[in-house]
């Protein structure tokens, strides 16, 4: 998929498996609980596709209909390896932005491809979603991130 310098030809990598992190993000709550995706084997994630579904009340009020730009996400593996970071330095501690990035930024974008190895016997990928401007600003919505990947074969030593 890539050469020594991290450069890859733009193509559709083989990804026979699909997982999806799904969360309900109430407008009155600042963020979701952790959403966990357990993997049964080491996996290479080759793409992600975020999406949202706005849940509009029958009588609209003063709340805003959110877009993906209004939601941020934090992703980690096994509570230790953070794959999102707003400040450019991976850490478990930080300011308000800390390990959150905009939801659209995790999607595969031309010319960016993804090759994220999720290692371990039973690795767990965790997601937390939050509002950019805090609670009580937006309508409720469902947030989803589809993951596309394939099983990593263990190397014989």
N, C-alpha and C. Protein backbone atom coordinates (compact mmCIF):
# COMPACT_ATOMS: atom_id res chain seq x y z
N UNK A 1 0.80 -1.19 0.00
CA UNK A 1 0.00 0.00 0.00
C UNK A 1 0.85 1.26 0.00
N UNK A 2 2.01 1.23 0.65
CA UNK A 2 2.85 2.42 0.65
C UNK A 2 4.30 2.02 0.53
N UNK A 3 5.12 2.97 0.11
CA UNK A 3 6.55 2.70 0.00
C UNK A 3 7.26 3.19 1.25
N UNK A 4 8.58 3.22 1.22
CA UNK A 4 9.41 3.58 2.38
C UNK A 4 9.12 4.98 2.90
N UNK A 5 8.72 5.92 2.04
CA UNK A 5 8.52 7.30 2.44
C UNK A 5 7.08 7.60 2.87
N UNK A 6 6.24 6.59 2.99
CA UNK A 6 4.86 6.81 3.39
C UNK A 6 3.98 7.31 2.27
N UNK A 7 4.44 7.19 1.02
CA UNK A 7 3.66 7.64 -0.13
C UNK A 7 2.92 6.44 -0.69
N UNK A 8 1.64 6.61 -0.96
CA UNK A 8 0.82 5.52 -1.47
C UNK A 8 0.13 5.94 -2.75
N UNK A 9 -0.05 4.99 -3.65
CA UNK A 9 -0.84 5.25 -4.84
C UNK A 9 -2.30 5.30 -4.43
N UNK A 10 -3.05 6.24 -4.99
CA UNK A 10 -4.46 6.38 -4.66
C UNK A 10 -5.25 5.25 -5.31
N UNK A 11 -5.74 4.36 -4.47
CA UNK A 11 -6.53 3.22 -4.96
C UNK A 11 -7.46 2.77 -3.84
N UNK A 12 -8.33 1.86 -4.14
CA UNK A 12 -9.25 1.33 -3.13
C UNK A 12 -8.63 0.07 -2.54
N UNK A 13 -8.12 0.15 -1.30
CA UNK A 13 -7.53 -1.04 -0.70
C UNK A 13 -8.58 -2.10 -0.37
N UNK A 14 -8.17 -3.34 -0.35
CA UNK A 14 -9.05 -4.44 -0.03
C UNK A 14 -9.48 -4.34 1.43
N UNK A 15 -10.78 -4.23 1.68
CA UNK A 15 -11.30 -4.10 3.04
C UNK A 15 -12.60 -4.90 3.15
N UNK A 16 -12.50 -6.22 3.36
CA UNK A 16 -13.70 -7.04 3.38
C UNK A 16 -14.56 -6.92 4.64
N UNK A 17 -14.04 -6.29 5.70
CA UNK A 17 -14.80 -6.19 6.95
C UNK A 17 -15.27 -4.76 7.19
N UNK A 18 -16.46 -4.62 7.77
CA UNK A 18 -17.02 -3.31 8.10
C UNK A 18 -17.54 -3.33 9.53
N UNK A 19 -17.17 -2.33 10.29
CA UNK A 19 -17.69 -2.12 11.64
C UNK A 19 -18.28 -0.72 11.67
N UNK A 20 -19.12 -0.42 12.64
CA UNK A 20 -19.66 0.93 12.74
C UNK A 20 -19.83 1.33 14.20
N UNK A 21 -19.22 2.45 14.56
CA UNK A 21 -19.44 3.05 15.87
C UNK A 21 -20.67 3.93 15.75
N UNK A 22 -21.67 3.71 16.62
CA UNK A 22 -22.91 4.48 16.56
C UNK A 22 -23.16 5.08 17.93
N UNK A 23 -23.59 6.35 17.94
CA UNK A 23 -23.87 7.00 19.22
C UNK A 23 -25.03 7.97 19.05
N UNK A 24 -25.82 8.11 20.10
CA UNK A 24 -26.84 9.14 20.17
C UNK A 24 -26.22 10.31 20.91
N UNK A 25 -26.19 11.48 20.29
CA UNK A 25 -25.61 12.68 20.89
C UNK A 25 -26.74 13.67 21.15
N UNK A 26 -27.27 13.68 22.38
CA UNK A 26 -28.36 14.62 22.69
C UNK A 26 -27.86 16.05 22.66
N UNK A 27 -28.69 16.95 22.19
CA UNK A 27 -28.32 18.36 22.17
C UNK A 27 -28.06 18.90 23.56
N UNK A 28 -28.70 18.33 24.59
CA UNK A 28 -28.55 18.80 25.96
C UNK A 28 -27.32 18.23 26.66
N UNK A 29 -26.60 17.34 26.02
CA UNK A 29 -25.41 16.72 26.62
C UNK A 29 -24.16 17.21 25.91
N UNK A 30 -23.07 17.45 26.65
CA UNK A 30 -21.86 17.94 25.99
C UNK A 30 -21.15 16.89 25.14
N UNK A 31 -21.29 15.60 25.50
CA UNK A 31 -20.63 14.56 24.73
C UNK A 31 -21.29 13.21 25.00
N UNK A 32 -20.89 12.21 24.21
CA UNK A 32 -21.42 10.85 24.37
C UNK A 32 -20.59 10.09 25.39
N UNK A 33 -21.10 8.95 25.77
CA UNK A 33 -20.29 7.98 26.52
C UNK A 33 -19.29 7.38 25.54
N UNK A 34 -18.34 6.61 26.03
CA UNK A 34 -17.41 5.91 25.14
C UNK A 34 -18.16 4.85 24.35
N UNK A 35 -17.89 4.82 23.07
CA UNK A 35 -18.45 3.79 22.20
C UNK A 35 -17.29 2.86 21.87
N UNK A 36 -17.45 1.58 22.17
CA UNK A 36 -16.35 0.63 21.99
C UNK A 36 -16.63 -0.31 20.83
N UNK A 37 -15.59 -0.56 20.04
CA UNK A 37 -15.65 -1.57 19.00
C UNK A 37 -14.55 -2.58 19.31
N UNK A 38 -14.94 -3.75 19.82
CA UNK A 38 -13.93 -4.79 20.08
C UNK A 38 -13.64 -5.55 18.79
N UNK A 39 -12.38 -5.85 18.58
CA UNK A 39 -11.96 -6.63 17.42
C UNK A 39 -11.54 -8.02 17.91
N UNK A 40 -11.85 -9.04 17.16
CA UNK A 40 -11.49 -10.41 17.54
C UNK A 40 -10.07 -10.77 17.12
N UNK A 41 -9.45 -9.92 16.35
CA UNK A 41 -8.12 -10.19 15.83
C UNK A 41 -7.44 -8.86 15.51
N UNK A 42 -6.11 -8.86 15.37
CA UNK A 42 -5.43 -7.64 14.91
C UNK A 42 -5.98 -7.23 13.55
N UNK A 43 -6.18 -5.94 13.36
CA UNK A 43 -6.88 -5.43 12.18
C UNK A 43 -6.16 -4.23 11.61
N UNK A 44 -6.20 -4.08 10.29
CA UNK A 44 -5.72 -2.86 9.63
C UNK A 44 -6.95 -2.10 9.16
N UNK A 45 -7.13 -0.90 9.71
CA UNK A 45 -8.22 -0.02 9.28
C UNK A 45 -7.69 0.78 8.09
N UNK A 46 -8.37 0.68 6.96
CA UNK A 46 -7.91 1.37 5.75
C UNK A 46 -8.80 2.54 5.38
N UNK A 47 -9.87 2.74 6.13
CA UNK A 47 -10.73 3.88 5.84
C UNK A 47 -11.81 4.05 6.90
N UNK A 48 -12.28 5.29 7.04
CA UNK A 48 -13.39 5.60 7.92
C UNK A 48 -14.34 6.53 7.18
N UNK A 49 -15.63 6.38 7.45
CA UNK A 49 -16.63 7.27 6.85
C UNK A 49 -17.57 7.76 7.93
N UNK A 50 -17.39 9.01 8.38
CA UNK A 50 -18.31 9.56 9.38
C UNK A 50 -19.60 10.06 8.73
N UNK A 51 -20.70 10.00 9.50
CA UNK A 51 -21.97 10.56 9.04
C UNK A 51 -22.82 10.91 10.25
N UNK A 52 -23.81 11.78 10.04
CA UNK A 52 -24.74 12.13 11.11
C UNK A 52 -26.16 12.13 10.56
N UNK A 53 -27.11 11.89 11.47
CA UNK A 53 -28.53 12.01 11.16
C UNK A 53 -29.12 12.95 12.20
N UNK A 54 -29.63 14.09 11.75
CA UNK A 54 -30.20 15.08 12.67
C UNK A 54 -31.61 14.65 13.04
N UNK A 55 -31.90 14.68 14.32
CA UNK A 55 -33.23 14.33 14.82
C UNK A 55 -33.93 15.65 15.16
N UNK A 56 -34.78 16.09 14.25
CA UNK A 56 -35.45 17.38 14.39
C UNK A 56 -36.76 17.20 15.14
N UNK A 57 -37.00 18.01 16.16
CA UNK A 57 -38.28 17.90 16.88
C UNK A 57 -39.44 18.31 15.99
N UNK A 58 -40.65 17.87 16.37
CA UNK A 58 -41.85 18.19 15.59
C UNK A 58 -42.07 19.70 15.47
N UNK A 59 -41.72 20.43 16.53
CA UNK A 59 -41.84 21.88 16.52
C UNK A 59 -40.44 22.47 16.72
N UNK A 60 -39.80 22.89 15.63
CA UNK A 60 -38.45 23.44 15.77
C UNK A 60 -38.44 24.67 16.68
N UNK A 61 -37.37 24.79 17.43
CA UNK A 61 -37.22 25.93 18.34
C UNK A 61 -36.03 26.78 17.95
N UNK A 62 -35.28 27.18 18.93
CA UNK A 62 -34.14 28.07 18.70
C UNK A 62 -32.84 27.28 18.54
N UNK A 63 -32.92 25.97 18.53
CA UNK A 63 -31.72 25.15 18.39
C UNK A 63 -31.24 25.12 16.94
N UNK A 64 -29.99 24.77 16.75
CA UNK A 64 -29.35 24.73 15.43
C UNK A 64 -29.32 23.28 14.94
N UNK A 65 -29.59 23.08 13.66
CA UNK A 65 -29.42 21.76 13.05
C UNK A 65 -27.92 21.56 12.81
N UNK A 66 -27.30 20.59 13.47
CA UNK A 66 -25.85 20.42 13.35
C UNK A 66 -25.43 19.84 12.00
N UNK A 67 -24.20 20.16 11.62
CA UNK A 67 -23.53 19.51 10.50
C UNK A 67 -22.38 18.69 11.08
N UNK A 68 -21.68 17.95 10.26
CA UNK A 68 -20.53 17.19 10.77
C UNK A 68 -19.47 18.12 11.34
N UNK A 69 -19.38 19.34 10.83
CA UNK A 69 -18.39 20.29 11.34
C UNK A 69 -18.68 20.73 12.78
N UNK A 70 -19.90 20.48 13.26
CA UNK A 70 -20.28 20.85 14.62
C UNK A 70 -19.98 19.76 15.64
N UNK A 71 -19.39 18.66 15.20
CA UNK A 71 -19.10 17.53 16.08
C UNK A 71 -17.62 17.20 16.02
N UNK A 72 -17.06 16.88 17.18
CA UNK A 72 -15.67 16.46 17.27
C UNK A 72 -15.62 15.02 17.77
N UNK A 73 -14.49 14.35 17.51
CA UNK A 73 -14.34 12.95 17.88
C UNK A 73 -12.97 12.72 18.50
N UNK A 74 -12.93 11.81 19.45
CA UNK A 74 -11.68 11.33 20.03
C UNK A 74 -11.63 9.84 19.79
N UNK A 75 -10.49 9.32 19.32
CA UNK A 75 -10.34 7.89 19.03
C UNK A 75 -9.08 7.38 19.73
N UNK A 76 -9.22 6.25 20.42
CA UNK A 76 -8.03 5.62 21.01
C UNK A 76 -8.15 4.11 20.87
N UNK A 77 -7.02 3.44 21.04
CA UNK A 77 -6.96 1.98 21.03
C UNK A 77 -6.52 1.53 22.41
N UNK A 78 -7.29 0.64 23.03
CA UNK A 78 -6.95 0.05 24.32
C UNK A 78 -6.66 1.08 25.41
N UNK A 79 -7.33 2.21 25.36
CA UNK A 79 -7.20 3.28 26.37
C UNK A 79 -5.79 3.84 26.49
N UNK A 80 -4.95 3.66 25.47
CA UNK A 80 -3.60 4.15 25.57
C UNK A 80 -3.06 4.83 24.32
N UNK A 81 -3.40 4.35 23.16
CA UNK A 81 -2.89 4.95 21.92
C UNK A 81 -3.95 5.85 21.31
N UNK A 82 -3.76 7.17 21.43
CA UNK A 82 -4.72 8.12 20.86
C UNK A 82 -4.36 8.41 19.42
N UNK A 83 -5.36 8.31 18.54
CA UNK A 83 -5.13 8.54 17.11
C UNK A 83 -5.72 9.85 16.65
N UNK A 84 -6.21 10.65 17.57
CA UNK A 84 -6.68 12.00 17.25
C UNK A 84 -6.04 12.94 18.25
N UNK A 85 -5.65 14.13 17.79
CA UNK A 85 -5.07 15.11 18.69
C UNK A 85 -5.14 16.48 18.07
N UNK A 86 -5.69 17.44 18.80
CA UNK A 86 -5.87 18.79 18.27
C UNK A 86 -4.62 19.63 18.36
N UNK A 87 -3.70 19.28 19.25
CA UNK A 87 -2.51 20.13 19.45
C UNK A 87 -1.28 19.61 18.76
N UNK A 88 -1.34 18.43 18.16
CA UNK A 88 -0.19 17.90 17.44
C UNK A 88 0.73 17.05 18.28
N UNK A 89 0.44 16.89 19.57
CA UNK A 89 1.25 16.06 20.45
C UNK A 89 0.34 15.03 21.09
N UNK A 90 0.63 13.76 20.89
CA UNK A 90 -0.20 12.71 21.46
C UNK A 90 0.00 12.60 22.96
N UNK A 91 -1.07 12.74 23.71
CA UNK A 91 -0.99 12.68 25.16
C UNK A 91 -2.35 12.32 25.73
N UNK A 92 -2.37 11.83 26.95
CA UNK A 92 -3.64 11.54 27.61
C UNK A 92 -4.19 12.75 28.32
N UNK A 93 -3.40 13.78 28.50
CA UNK A 93 -3.86 15.00 29.18
C UNK A 93 -3.75 16.17 28.23
N UNK A 94 -4.45 17.24 28.52
CA UNK A 94 -4.35 18.41 27.67
C UNK A 94 -5.43 19.41 27.98
N UNK A 95 -5.53 20.43 27.13
CA UNK A 95 -6.55 21.45 27.33
C UNK A 95 -7.89 20.94 26.83
N UNK A 96 -8.86 21.82 26.67
CA UNK A 96 -10.20 21.41 26.26
C UNK A 96 -10.17 20.65 24.94
N UNK A 97 -9.35 21.10 24.00
CA UNK A 97 -9.31 20.41 22.71
C UNK A 97 -8.66 19.04 22.84
N UNK A 98 -7.59 18.94 23.61
CA UNK A 98 -6.95 17.66 23.89
C UNK A 98 -6.87 16.73 22.72
N UNK A 99 -7.55 15.59 22.83
CA UNK A 99 -7.48 14.55 21.81
C UNK A 99 -8.68 14.53 20.88
N UNK A 100 -9.39 15.64 20.77
CA UNK A 100 -10.55 15.72 19.88
C UNK A 100 -10.19 16.44 18.59
N UNK A 101 -10.73 15.95 17.47
CA UNK A 101 -10.59 16.59 16.16
C UNK A 101 -11.96 16.66 15.52
N UNK A 102 -12.10 17.45 14.47
CA UNK A 102 -13.40 17.56 13.80
C UNK A 102 -13.79 16.23 13.18
N UNK A 103 -15.06 15.90 13.23
CA UNK A 103 -15.56 14.63 12.72
C UNK A 103 -15.20 14.41 11.24
N UNK A 104 -15.35 15.42 10.36
CA UNK A 104 -15.01 15.17 8.95
C UNK A 104 -13.53 14.85 8.71
N UNK A 105 -12.65 15.27 9.62
CA UNK A 105 -11.21 15.08 9.38
C UNK A 105 -10.78 13.62 9.42
N UNK A 106 -11.59 12.73 10.00
CA UNK A 106 -11.17 11.33 10.07
C UNK A 106 -11.56 10.54 8.83
N UNK A 107 -12.38 11.10 7.96
CA UNK A 107 -12.77 10.42 6.73
C UNK A 107 -11.61 10.37 5.75
N UNK A 108 -11.61 9.35 4.90
CA UNK A 108 -10.58 9.27 3.86
C UNK A 108 -10.82 10.39 2.87
N UNK A 109 -9.80 11.18 2.64
CA UNK A 109 -9.91 12.34 1.76
C UNK A 109 -8.81 12.27 0.71
N UNK A 110 -9.14 12.64 -0.51
CA UNK A 110 -8.13 12.69 -1.56
C UNK A 110 -7.20 13.85 -1.21
N UNK A 111 -5.91 13.71 -1.16
CA UNK A 111 -5.14 12.51 -1.50
C UNK A 111 -4.75 11.67 -0.29
N UNK A 112 -5.46 11.75 0.82
CA UNK A 112 -5.07 11.03 2.03
C UNK A 112 -5.71 9.64 2.07
N UNK A 113 -4.91 8.64 2.33
CA UNK A 113 -5.39 7.28 2.59
C UNK A 113 -5.07 6.96 4.04
N UNK A 114 -5.59 5.86 4.54
CA UNK A 114 -5.39 5.49 5.93
C UNK A 114 -4.84 4.08 6.01
N UNK A 115 -3.93 3.85 6.93
CA UNK A 115 -3.43 2.52 7.22
C UNK A 115 -3.14 2.48 8.71
N UNK A 116 -4.14 2.12 9.50
CA UNK A 116 -4.06 2.14 10.95
C UNK A 116 -4.11 0.71 11.46
N UNK A 117 -2.98 0.22 12.00
CA UNK A 117 -2.95 -1.13 12.54
C UNK A 117 -3.48 -1.14 13.96
N UNK A 118 -4.45 -2.00 14.21
CA UNK A 118 -5.04 -2.18 15.53
C UNK A 118 -4.53 -3.53 16.02
N UNK A 119 -3.49 -3.50 16.86
CA UNK A 119 -2.80 -4.72 17.27
C UNK A 119 -3.26 -5.21 18.63
N UNK A 120 -2.88 -6.43 18.94
CA UNK A 120 -3.21 -7.06 20.21
C UNK A 120 -4.11 -8.26 19.99
N UNK A 121 -4.29 -9.05 21.05
CA UNK A 121 -5.12 -10.25 20.93
C UNK A 121 -6.60 -9.90 20.78
N UNK A 122 -7.09 -8.96 21.55
CA UNK A 122 -8.48 -8.52 21.48
C UNK A 122 -8.53 -7.01 21.62
N UNK A 123 -8.00 -6.29 20.63
CA UNK A 123 -7.94 -4.83 20.75
C UNK A 123 -9.33 -4.19 20.74
N UNK A 124 -9.43 -3.03 21.38
CA UNK A 124 -10.69 -2.29 21.44
C UNK A 124 -10.44 -0.88 20.96
N UNK A 125 -11.19 -0.44 19.97
CA UNK A 125 -11.14 0.94 19.50
C UNK A 125 -12.29 1.68 20.16
N UNK A 126 -12.00 2.85 20.73
CA UNK A 126 -13.02 3.60 21.46
C UNK A 126 -13.21 4.97 20.82
N UNK A 127 -14.47 5.42 20.80
CA UNK A 127 -14.84 6.71 20.23
C UNK A 127 -15.62 7.50 21.27
N UNK A 128 -15.38 8.81 21.33
CA UNK A 128 -16.22 9.74 22.08
C UNK A 128 -16.53 10.89 21.13
N UNK A 129 -17.79 11.28 21.06
CA UNK A 129 -18.21 12.39 20.21
C UNK A 129 -18.67 13.53 21.11
N UNK A 130 -18.40 14.78 20.70
CA UNK A 130 -18.86 15.93 21.48
C UNK A 130 -19.22 17.08 20.56
N UNK A 131 -19.99 18.02 21.10
CA UNK A 131 -20.39 19.22 20.36
C UNK A 131 -19.26 20.24 20.37
N UNK A 132 -19.11 20.96 19.28
CA UNK A 132 -18.10 22.01 19.19
C UNK A 132 -18.44 23.16 20.14
N UNK A 133 -19.72 23.57 20.17
CA UNK A 133 -20.11 24.73 20.99
C UNK A 133 -20.81 24.35 22.29
N UNK A 134 -20.64 23.12 22.75
CA UNK A 134 -21.23 22.71 24.02
C UNK A 134 -22.67 22.29 23.90
N UNK A 135 -23.29 22.06 25.04
CA UNK A 135 -24.66 21.54 25.07
C UNK A 135 -25.69 22.65 24.93
N UNK A 136 -26.92 22.23 24.66
CA UNK A 136 -28.09 23.13 24.53
C UNK A 136 -27.98 24.12 23.38
N UNK A 137 -27.25 23.75 22.33
CA UNK A 137 -27.13 24.59 21.14
C UNK A 137 -27.74 23.90 19.93
N UNK A 138 -27.63 22.57 19.88
CA UNK A 138 -28.00 21.80 18.70
C UNK A 138 -29.19 20.88 18.94
N UNK A 139 -29.85 20.50 17.83
CA UNK A 139 -30.82 19.41 17.87
C UNK A 139 -30.06 18.12 18.19
N UNK A 140 -30.77 17.13 18.73
CA UNK A 140 -30.19 15.81 18.94
C UNK A 140 -29.77 15.23 17.59
N UNK A 141 -28.80 14.32 17.61
CA UNK A 141 -28.46 13.63 16.37
C UNK A 141 -27.85 12.27 16.67
N UNK A 142 -27.82 11.43 15.66
CA UNK A 142 -27.11 10.16 15.71
C UNK A 142 -25.80 10.37 14.97
N UNK A 143 -24.73 9.91 15.56
CA UNK A 143 -23.41 10.02 14.95
C UNK A 143 -22.93 8.62 14.64
N UNK A 144 -22.38 8.43 13.45
CA UNK A 144 -21.88 7.12 13.05
C UNK A 144 -20.53 7.26 12.38
N UNK A 145 -19.67 6.29 12.61
CA UNK A 145 -18.40 6.21 11.89
C UNK A 145 -18.25 4.76 11.42
N UNK A 146 -18.29 4.57 10.12
CA UNK A 146 -18.06 3.24 9.56
C UNK A 146 -16.57 3.04 9.42
N UNK A 147 -16.10 1.85 9.80
CA UNK A 147 -14.68 1.49 9.69
C UNK A 147 -14.56 0.39 8.65
N UNK A 148 -13.60 0.52 7.78
CA UNK A 148 -13.36 -0.48 6.75
C UNK A 148 -11.98 -1.07 6.98
N UNK A 149 -11.89 -2.40 7.06
CA UNK A 149 -10.59 -2.98 7.36
C UNK A 149 -10.48 -4.42 6.96
N UNK A 150 -9.34 -4.96 7.30
CA UNK A 150 -9.07 -6.37 7.02
C UNK A 150 -8.23 -6.94 8.15
N UNK A 151 -8.30 -8.23 8.30
CA UNK A 151 -7.56 -8.94 9.33
C UNK A 151 -6.07 -8.86 9.03
N UNK A 152 -5.29 -8.56 10.06
CA UNK A 152 -3.83 -8.58 9.93
C UNK A 152 -3.35 -9.99 10.22
N UNK A 153 -2.60 -10.55 9.32
CA UNK A 153 -2.05 -11.90 9.55
C UNK A 153 -0.83 -11.76 10.45
N UNK A 154 -0.76 -12.63 11.43
CA UNK A 154 0.41 -12.63 12.33
C UNK A 154 1.62 -13.16 11.59
N UNK A 155 2.75 -12.48 11.77
CA UNK A 155 3.99 -12.91 11.13
C UNK A 155 4.62 -14.03 11.94
N UNK A 156 5.05 -15.04 11.27
CA UNK A 156 5.74 -16.16 11.92
C UNK A 156 7.18 -15.75 12.19
N UNK A 157 7.64 -16.00 13.41
CA UNK A 157 9.04 -15.65 13.75
C UNK A 157 9.86 -16.87 13.98
